[in-house]
Structures are given as C-alpha cells and as structure tokens.
PDB file of all heavy atoms in Angstrom:
ATOM      1  N   LEU A   1       3.238   9.020  -0.194  1.00  0.00           N
ATOM      2  CA  LEU A   1       3.697   7.681   0.202  1.00  0.00           C
ATOM      3  C   LEU A   1       2.588   6.882   0.879  1.00  0.00           C
ATOM      4  O   LEU A   1       2.537   5.653   0.761  1.00  0.00           O
ATOM      5  CB  LEU A   1       4.905   7.799   1.134  1.00  0.00           C
ATOM      6  CG  LEU A   1       6.217   8.257   0.496  1.00  0.00           C
ATOM      7  CD1 LEU A   1       7.289   8.485   1.564  1.00  0.00           C
ATOM      8  CD2 LEU A   1       6.706   7.223  -0.517  1.00  0.00           C
ATOM      9  N   MET A   2       1.695   7.578   1.594  1.00  0.00           N
ATOM     10  CA  MET A   2       0.622   6.872   2.290  1.00  0.00           C
ATOM     11  C   MET A   2      -0.415   6.295   1.323  1.00  0.00           C
ATOM     12  O   MET A   2      -1.243   5.464   1.725  1.00  0.00           O
ATOM     13  CB  MET A   2      -0.059   7.809   3.285  1.00  0.00           C
ATOM     14  CG  MET A   2       0.766   8.110   4.523  1.00  0.00           C
ATOM     15  SD  MET A   2       1.146   6.629   5.494  1.00  0.00           S
ATOM     16  CE  MET A   2      -0.469   6.224   6.149  1.00  0.00           C
ATOM     17  N   LYS A   3      -0.383   6.698   0.053  1.00  0.00           N
ATOM     18  CA  LYS A   3      -1.323   6.148  -0.920  1.00  0.00           C
ATOM     19  C   LYS A   3      -1.035   4.682  -1.221  1.00  0.00           C
ATOM     20  O   LYS A   3      -1.849   3.993  -1.855  1.00  0.00           O
ATOM     21  CB  LYS A   3      -1.279   6.970  -2.210  1.00  0.00           C
ATOM     22  CG  LYS A   3      -1.871   8.369  -2.057  1.00  0.00           C
ATOM     23  CD  LYS A   3      -1.924   9.095  -3.385  1.00  0.00           C
ATOM     24  CE  LYS A   3      -2.543  10.472  -3.223  1.00  0.00           C
ATOM     25  NZ  LYS A   3      -3.942  10.403  -2.770  1.00  0.00           N
ATOM     26  N   ALA A   4       0.100   4.183  -0.756  1.00  0.00           N
ATOM     27  CA  ALA A   4       0.413   2.766  -0.945  1.00  0.00           C
ATOM     28  C   ALA A   4      -0.445   1.867  -0.063  1.00  0.00           C
ATOM     29  O   ALA A   4      -0.465   0.649  -0.246  1.00  0.00           O
ATOM     30  CB  ALA A   4       1.900   2.520  -0.653  1.00  0.00           C
ATOM     31  N   TYR A   5      -1.151   2.444   0.897  1.00  0.00           N
ATOM     32  CA  TYR A   5      -1.920   1.658   1.858  1.00  0.00           C
ATOM     33  C   TYR A   5      -3.408   1.955   1.714  1.00  0.00           C
ATOM     34  O   TYR A   5      -3.807   3.058   1.343  1.00  0.00           O
ATOM     35  CB  TYR A   5      -1.475   1.982   3.291  1.00  0.00           C
ATOM     36  CG  TYR A   5       0.005   1.820   3.510  1.00  0.00           C
ATOM     37  CD1 TYR A   5       0.847   2.933   3.504  1.00  0.00           C
ATOM     38  CD2 TYR A   5       0.575   0.572   3.697  1.00  0.00           C
ATOM     39  CE1 TYR A   5       2.212   2.798   3.698  1.00  0.00           C
ATOM     40  CE2 TYR A   5       1.937   0.419   3.886  1.00  0.00           C
ATOM     41  CZ  TYR A   5       2.757   1.542   3.882  1.00  0.00           C
ATOM     42  OH  TYR A   5       4.112   1.399   4.066  1.00  0.00           O
ATOM     43  N   LYS A   6      -4.218   0.969   2.035  1.00  0.00           N
ATOM     44  CA  LYS A   6      -5.662   1.156   2.038  1.00  0.00           C
ATOM     45  C   LYS A   6      -6.050   2.089   3.177  1.00  0.00           C
ATOM     46  O   LYS A   6      -5.677   1.862   4.328  1.00  0.00           O
ATOM     47  CB  LYS A   6      -6.375  -0.180   2.200  1.00  0.00           C
ATOM     48  CG  LYS A   6      -6.302  -1.083   0.976  1.00  0.00           C
ATOM     49  CD  LYS A   6      -7.130  -2.342   1.194  1.00  0.00           C
ATOM     50  CE  LYS A   6      -7.095  -3.236  -0.049  1.00  0.00           C
ATOM     51  NZ  LYS A   6      -7.901  -4.472   0.157  1.00  0.00           N
ATOM     52  N   GLU A   7      -6.797   3.127   2.845  1.00  0.00           N
ATOM     53  CA  GLU A   7      -7.263   4.062   3.853  1.00  0.00           C
ATOM     54  C   GLU A   7      -8.459   3.470   4.601  1.00  0.00           C
ATOM     55  O   GLU A   7      -9.153   2.588   4.080  1.00  0.00           O
ATOM     56  CB  GLU A   7      -7.635   5.395   3.189  1.00  0.00           C
ATOM     57  CG  GLU A   7      -7.985   6.512   4.153  1.00  0.00           C
ATOM     58  CD  GLU A   7      -6.908   6.770   5.191  1.00  0.00           C
ATOM     59  OE1 GLU A   7      -5.978   7.554   4.900  1.00  0.00           O
ATOM     60  OE2 GLU A   7      -6.981   6.162   6.273  1.00  0.00           O
ATOM     61  N   VAL A   8      -8.654   3.930   5.814  1.00  0.00           N
ATOM     62  CA  VAL A   8      -9.829   3.514   6.584  1.00  0.00           C
ATOM     63  C   VAL A   8     -11.034   4.293   6.065  1.00  0.00           C
ATOM     64  O   VAL A   8     -11.013   5.525   6.054  1.00  0.00           O
ATOM     65  CB  VAL A   8      -9.627   3.800   8.086  1.00  0.00           C
ATOM     66  CG1 VAL A   8     -10.878   3.422   8.874  1.00  0.00           C
ATOM     67  CG2 VAL A   8      -8.410   3.052   8.610  1.00  0.00           C
ATOM     68  N   PRO A   9     -12.074   3.612   5.627  1.00  0.00           N
ATOM     69  CA  PRO A   9     -13.255   4.341   5.130  1.00  0.00           C
ATOM     70  C   PRO A   9     -13.888   5.188   6.230  1.00  0.00           C
ATOM     71  O   PRO A   9     -13.838   4.845   7.418  1.00  0.00           O
ATOM     72  CB  PRO A   9     -14.201   3.211   4.691  1.00  0.00           C
ATOM     73  CG  PRO A   9     -13.349   1.992   4.568  1.00  0.00           C
ATOM     74  CD  PRO A   9     -12.228   2.148   5.542  1.00  0.00           C
ATOM     75  N   HIS A  10     -14.516   6.279   5.831  1.00  0.00           N
ATOM     76  CA  HIS A  10     -15.191   7.137   6.807  1.00  0.00           C
ATOM     77  C   HIS A  10     -16.282   6.384   7.557  1.00  0.00           C
ATOM     78  O   HIS A  10     -16.554   6.671   8.724  1.00  0.00           O
ATOM     79  CB  HIS A  10     -15.788   8.362   6.112  1.00  0.00           C
ATOM     80  CG  HIS A  10     -14.797   9.473   5.891  1.00  0.00           C
ATOM     81  ND1 HIS A  10     -14.073  10.051   6.912  1.00  0.00           N
ATOM     82  CD2 HIS A  10     -14.419  10.111   4.751  1.00  0.00           C
ATOM     83  CE1 HIS A  10     -13.293  10.992   6.423  1.00  0.00           C
ATOM     84  NE2 HIS A  10     -13.465  11.047   5.111  1.00  0.00           N
ATOM     85  N   TRP A  11     -16.914   5.401   6.890  1.00  0.00           N
ATOM     86  CA  TRP A  11     -18.028   4.727   7.548  1.00  0.00           C
ATOM     87  C   TRP A  11     -17.553   3.871   8.717  1.00  0.00           C
ATOM     88  O   TRP A  11     -18.344   3.588   9.628  1.00  0.00           O
ATOM     89  CB  TRP A  11     -18.850   3.913   6.545  1.00  0.00           C
ATOM     90  CG  TRP A  11     -18.192   2.678   5.991  1.00  0.00           C
ATOM     91  CD1 TRP A  11     -17.509   2.568   4.834  1.00  0.00           C
ATOM     92  CD2 TRP A  11     -18.218   1.370   6.579  1.00  0.00           C
ATOM     93  NE1 TRP A  11     -17.067   1.279   4.640  1.00  0.00           N
ATOM     94  CE2 TRP A  11     -17.499   0.522   5.704  1.00  0.00           C
ATOM     95  CE3 TRP A  11     -18.754   0.832   7.738  1.00  0.00           C
ATOM     96  CZ2 TRP A  11     -17.307  -0.836   5.977  1.00  0.00           C
ATOM     97  CZ3 TRP A  11     -18.573  -0.519   8.006  1.00  0.00           C
ATOM     98  CH2 TRP A  11     -17.861  -1.341   7.123  1.00  0.00           C
ATOM     99  N   TRP A  12     -16.274   3.474   8.739  1.00  0.00           N
ATOM    100  CA  TRP A  12     -15.762   2.757   9.918  1.00  0.00           C
ATOM    101  C   TRP A  12     -15.820   3.675  11.136  1.00  0.00           C
ATOM    102  O   TRP A  12     -16.333   3.303  12.189  1.00  0.00           O
ATOM    103  CB  TRP A  12     -14.330   2.305   9.678  1.00  0.00           C
ATOM    104  CG  TRP A  12     -14.166   1.155   8.735  1.00  0.00           C
ATOM    105  CD1 TRP A  12     -15.044   0.734   7.764  1.00  0.00           C
ATOM    106  CD2 TRP A  12     -13.048   0.276   8.662  1.00  0.00           C
ATOM    107  NE1 TRP A  12     -14.523  -0.336   7.089  1.00  0.00           N
ATOM    108  CE2 TRP A  12     -13.305  -0.647   7.616  1.00  0.00           C
ATOM    109  CE3 TRP A  12     -11.848   0.177   9.345  1.00  0.00           C
ATOM    110  CZ2 TRP A  12     -12.416  -1.654   7.264  1.00  0.00           C
ATOM    111  CZ3 TRP A  12     -10.942  -0.827   8.997  1.00  0.00           C
ATOM    112  CH2 TRP A  12     -11.230  -1.736   7.971  1.00  0.00           C
ATOM    113  N   TYR A  13     -15.245   4.867  10.968  1.00  0.00           N
ATOM    114  CA  TYR A  13     -15.253   5.810  12.089  1.00  0.00           C
ATOM    115  C   TYR A  13     -16.682   6.283  12.388  1.00  0.00           C
ATOM    116  O   TYR A  13     -17.059   6.447  13.556  1.00  0.00           O
ATOM    117  CB  TYR A  13     -14.375   7.016  11.769  1.00  0.00           C
ATOM    118  CG  TYR A  13     -12.898   6.726  11.807  1.00  0.00           C
ATOM    119  CD1 TYR A  13     -12.167   6.601  10.633  1.00  0.00           C
ATOM    120  CD2 TYR A  13     -12.226   6.583  13.024  1.00  0.00           C
ATOM    121  CE1 TYR A  13     -10.806   6.339  10.661  1.00  0.00           C
ATOM    122  CE2 TYR A  13     -10.865   6.322  13.058  1.00  0.00           C
ATOM    123  CZ  TYR A  13     -10.158   6.204  11.874  1.00  0.00           C
ATOM    124  OH  TYR A  13      -8.808   5.945  11.916  1.00  0.00           O
ATOM    125  N   GLY A  14     -17.468   6.505  11.329  1.00  0.00           N
ATOM    126  CA  GLY A  14     -18.845   6.915  11.551  1.00  0.00           C
ATOM    127  C   GLY A  14     -19.637   5.876  12.319  1.00  0.00           C
ATOM    128  O   GLY A  14     -20.461   6.214  13.187  1.00  0.00           O
ATOM    129  N   SER A  15     -19.376   4.601  12.028  1.00  0.00           N
ATOM    130  CA  SER A  15     -20.068   3.530  12.747  1.00  0.00           C
ATOM    131  C   SER A  15     -19.683   3.514  14.219  1.00  0.00           C
ATOM    132  O   SER A  15     -20.540   3.304  15.089  1.00  0.00           O
ATOM    133  CB  SER A  15     -19.735   2.182  12.103  1.00  0.00           C
ATOM    134  OG  SER A  15     -20.175   2.135  10.766  1.00  0.00           O
ATOM    135  N   VAL A  16     -18.399   3.723  14.502  1.00  0.00           N
ATOM    136  CA  VAL A  16     -17.958   3.775  15.899  1.00  0.00           C
ATOM    137  C   VAL A  16     -18.677   4.906  16.632  1.00  0.00           C
ATOM    138  O   VAL A  16     -19.168   4.734  17.761  1.00  0.00           O
ATOM    139  CB  VAL A  16     -16.430   3.975  15.981  1.00  0.00           C
ATOM    140  CG1 VAL A  16     -15.989   4.242  17.425  1.00  0.00           C
ATOM    141  CG2 VAL A  16     -15.706   2.753  15.438  1.00  0.00           C
ATOM    142  N   PHE A  17     -18.776   6.061  15.974  1.00  0.00           N
ATOM    143  CA  PHE A  17     -19.436   7.206  16.600  1.00  0.00           C
ATOM    144  C   PHE A  17     -20.924   6.929  16.819  1.00  0.00           C
ATOM    145  O   PHE A  17     -21.460   7.156  17.914  1.00  0.00           O
ATOM    146  CB  PHE A  17     -19.258   8.452  15.732  1.00  0.00           C
ATOM    147  CG  PHE A  17     -19.926   9.679  16.279  1.00  0.00           C
ATOM    148  CD1 PHE A  17     -19.304  10.463  17.239  1.00  0.00           C
ATOM    149  CD2 PHE A  17     -21.191  10.048  15.844  1.00  0.00           C
ATOM    150  CE1 PHE A  17     -19.926  11.591  17.757  1.00  0.00           C
ATOM    151  CE2 PHE A  17     -21.825  11.171  16.348  1.00  0.00           C
ATOM    152  CZ  PHE A  17     -21.187  11.946  17.304  1.00  0.00           C
ATOM    153  N   ILE A  18     -21.623   6.435  15.798  1.00  0.00           N
ATOM    154  CA  ILE A  18     -23.066   6.223  15.904  1.00  0.00           C
ATOM    155  C   ILE A  18     -23.386   5.146  16.936  1.00  0.00           C
ATOM    156  O   ILE A  18     -24.314   5.296  17.758  1.00  0.00           O
ATOM    157  CB  ILE A  18     -23.643   5.852  14.522  1.00  0.00           C
ATOM    158  CG1 ILE A  18     -23.534   7.057  13.577  1.00  0.00           C
ATOM    159  CG2 ILE A  18     -25.094   5.404  14.646  1.00  0.00           C
ATOM    160  CD1 ILE A  18     -23.885   6.736  12.141  1.00  0.00           C
ATOM    161  N   ILE A  19     -22.635   4.049  16.928  1.00  0.00           N
ATOM    162  CA  ILE A  19     -22.879   2.981  17.907  1.00  0.00           C
ATOM    163  C   ILE A  19     -22.623   3.488  19.327  1.00  0.00           C
ATOM    164  O   ILE A  19     -23.421   3.237  20.241  1.00  0.00           O
ATOM    165  CB  ILE A  19     -22.004   1.756  17.588  1.00  0.00           C
ATOM    166  CG1 ILE A  19     -22.450   1.107  16.271  1.00  0.00           C
ATOM    167  CG2 ILE A  19     -22.063   0.739  18.731  1.00  0.00           C
ATOM    168  CD1 ILE A  19     -21.524   0.016  15.784  1.00  0.00           C
ATOM    169  N   SER A  20     -21.522   4.209  19.508  1.00  0.00           N
ATOM    170  CA  SER A  20     -21.211   4.740  20.840  1.00  0.00           C
ATOM    171  C   SER A  20     -22.276   5.732  21.293  1.00  0.00           C
ATOM    172  O   SER A  20     -22.687   5.735  22.461  1.00  0.00           O
ATOM    173  CB  SER A  20     -19.836   5.423  20.826  1.00  0.00           C
ATOM    174  OG  SER A  20     -18.822   4.525  20.470  1.00  0.00           O
ATOM    175  N   PHE A  21     -22.741   6.553  20.354  1.00  0.00           N
ATOM    176  CA  PHE A  21     -23.770   7.540  20.674  1.00  0.00           C
ATOM    177  C   PHE A  21     -25.072   6.841  21.069  1.00  0.00           C
ATOM    178  O   PHE A  21     -25.732   7.214  22.049  1.00  0.00           O
ATOM    179  CB  PHE A  21     -23.978   8.455  19.468  1.00  0.00           C
ATOM    180  CG  PHE A  21     -24.847   9.653  19.738  1.00  0.00           C
ATOM    181  CD1 PHE A  21     -24.649  10.453  20.858  1.00  0.00           C
ATOM    182  CD2 PHE A  21     -25.869   9.983  18.857  1.00  0.00           C
ATOM    183  CE1 PHE A  21     -25.441  11.570  21.091  1.00  0.00           C
ATOM    184  CE2 PHE A  21     -26.673  11.096  19.084  1.00  0.00           C
ATOM    185  CZ  PHE A  21     -26.459  11.889  20.209  1.00  0.00           C
ATOM    186  N   GLY A  22     -25.439   5.800  20.328  1.00  0.00           N
ATOM    187  CA  GLY A  22     -26.658   5.065  20.647  1.00  0.00           C
ATOM    188  C   GLY A  22     -26.578   4.350  21.978  1.00  0.00           C
ATOM    189  O   GLY A  22     -27.522   4.387  22.781  1.00  0.00           O
ATOM    190  N   VAL A  23     -25.450   3.696  22.231  1.00  0.00           N
ATOM    191  CA  VAL A  23     -25.283   2.988  23.505  1.00  0.00           C
ATOM    192  C   VAL A  23     -25.268   3.976  24.669  1.00  0.00           C
ATOM    193  O   VAL A  23     -25.690   3.644  25.788  1.00  0.00           O
ATOM    194  CB  VAL A  23     -23.995   2.143  23.476  1.00  0.00           C
ATOM    195  CG1 VAL A  23     -23.725   1.506  24.840  1.00  0.00           C
ATOM    196  CG2 VAL A  23     -24.095   1.061  22.404  1.00  0.00           C
ATOM    197  N   SER A  24     -24.819   5.206  24.421  1.00  0.00           N
ATOM    198  CA  SER A  24     -24.808   6.221  25.484  1.00  0.00           C
ATOM    199  C   SER A  24     -26.220   6.488  26.004  1.00  0.00           C
ATOM    200  O   SER A  24     -26.420   6.694  27.209  1.00  0.00           O
ATOM    201  CB  SER A  24     -24.191   7.526  24.966  1.00  0.00           C
ATOM    202  OG  SER A  24     -22.853   7.340  24.570  1.00  0.00           O
ATOM    203  N   PHE A  25     -27.214   6.477  25.109  1.00  0.00           N
ATOM    204  CA  PHE A  25     -28.601   6.656  25.556  1.00  0.00           C
ATOM    205  C   PHE A  25     -29.025   5.491  26.448  1.00  0.00           C
ATOM    206  O   PHE A  25     -29.753   5.687  27.437  1.00  0.00           O
ATOM    207  CB  PHE A  25     -29.536   6.768  24.356  1.00  0.00           C
ATOM    208  CG  PHE A  25     -29.486   8.098  23.671  1.00  0.00           C
ATOM    209  CD1 PHE A  25     -28.774   8.265  22.498  1.00  0.00           C
ATOM    210  CD2 PHE A  25     -30.151   9.199  24.203  1.00  0.00           C
ATOM    211  CE1 PHE A  25     -28.731   9.491  21.857  1.00  0.00           C
ATOM    212  CE2 PHE A  25     -30.105  10.430  23.572  1.00  0.00           C
ATOM    213  CZ  PHE A  25     -29.395  10.580  22.400  1.00  0.00           C
ATOM    214  N   ALA A  26     -28.570   4.278  26.104  1.00  0.00           N
ATOM    215  CA  ALA A  26     -28.887   3.128  26.949  1.00  0.00           C
ATOM    216  C   ALA A  26     -28.283   3.289  28.340  1.00  0.00           C
ATOM    217  O   ALA A  26     -28.908   2.946  29.349  1.00  0.00           O
ATOM    218  CB  ALA A  26     -28.381   1.844  26.285  1.00  0.00           C
TER     219      ALA A  26
END
C-alpha cells in the first residue's frame, strides 16, 4: 500500500547526515 506514495530518496537522509557531520566539526 505504501507504494502509492513517493518514497524519500536516500540522498535526502544522506545529505542531512553529511551536513550535520560537517557542521559538527565547525
């Protein structure tokens, strides 16, 4: 049933992780 909806691409979550990780160094 969930196939009726657009899934969130992995790169959305990956971007959140990478940006947060980079800002953590700052």
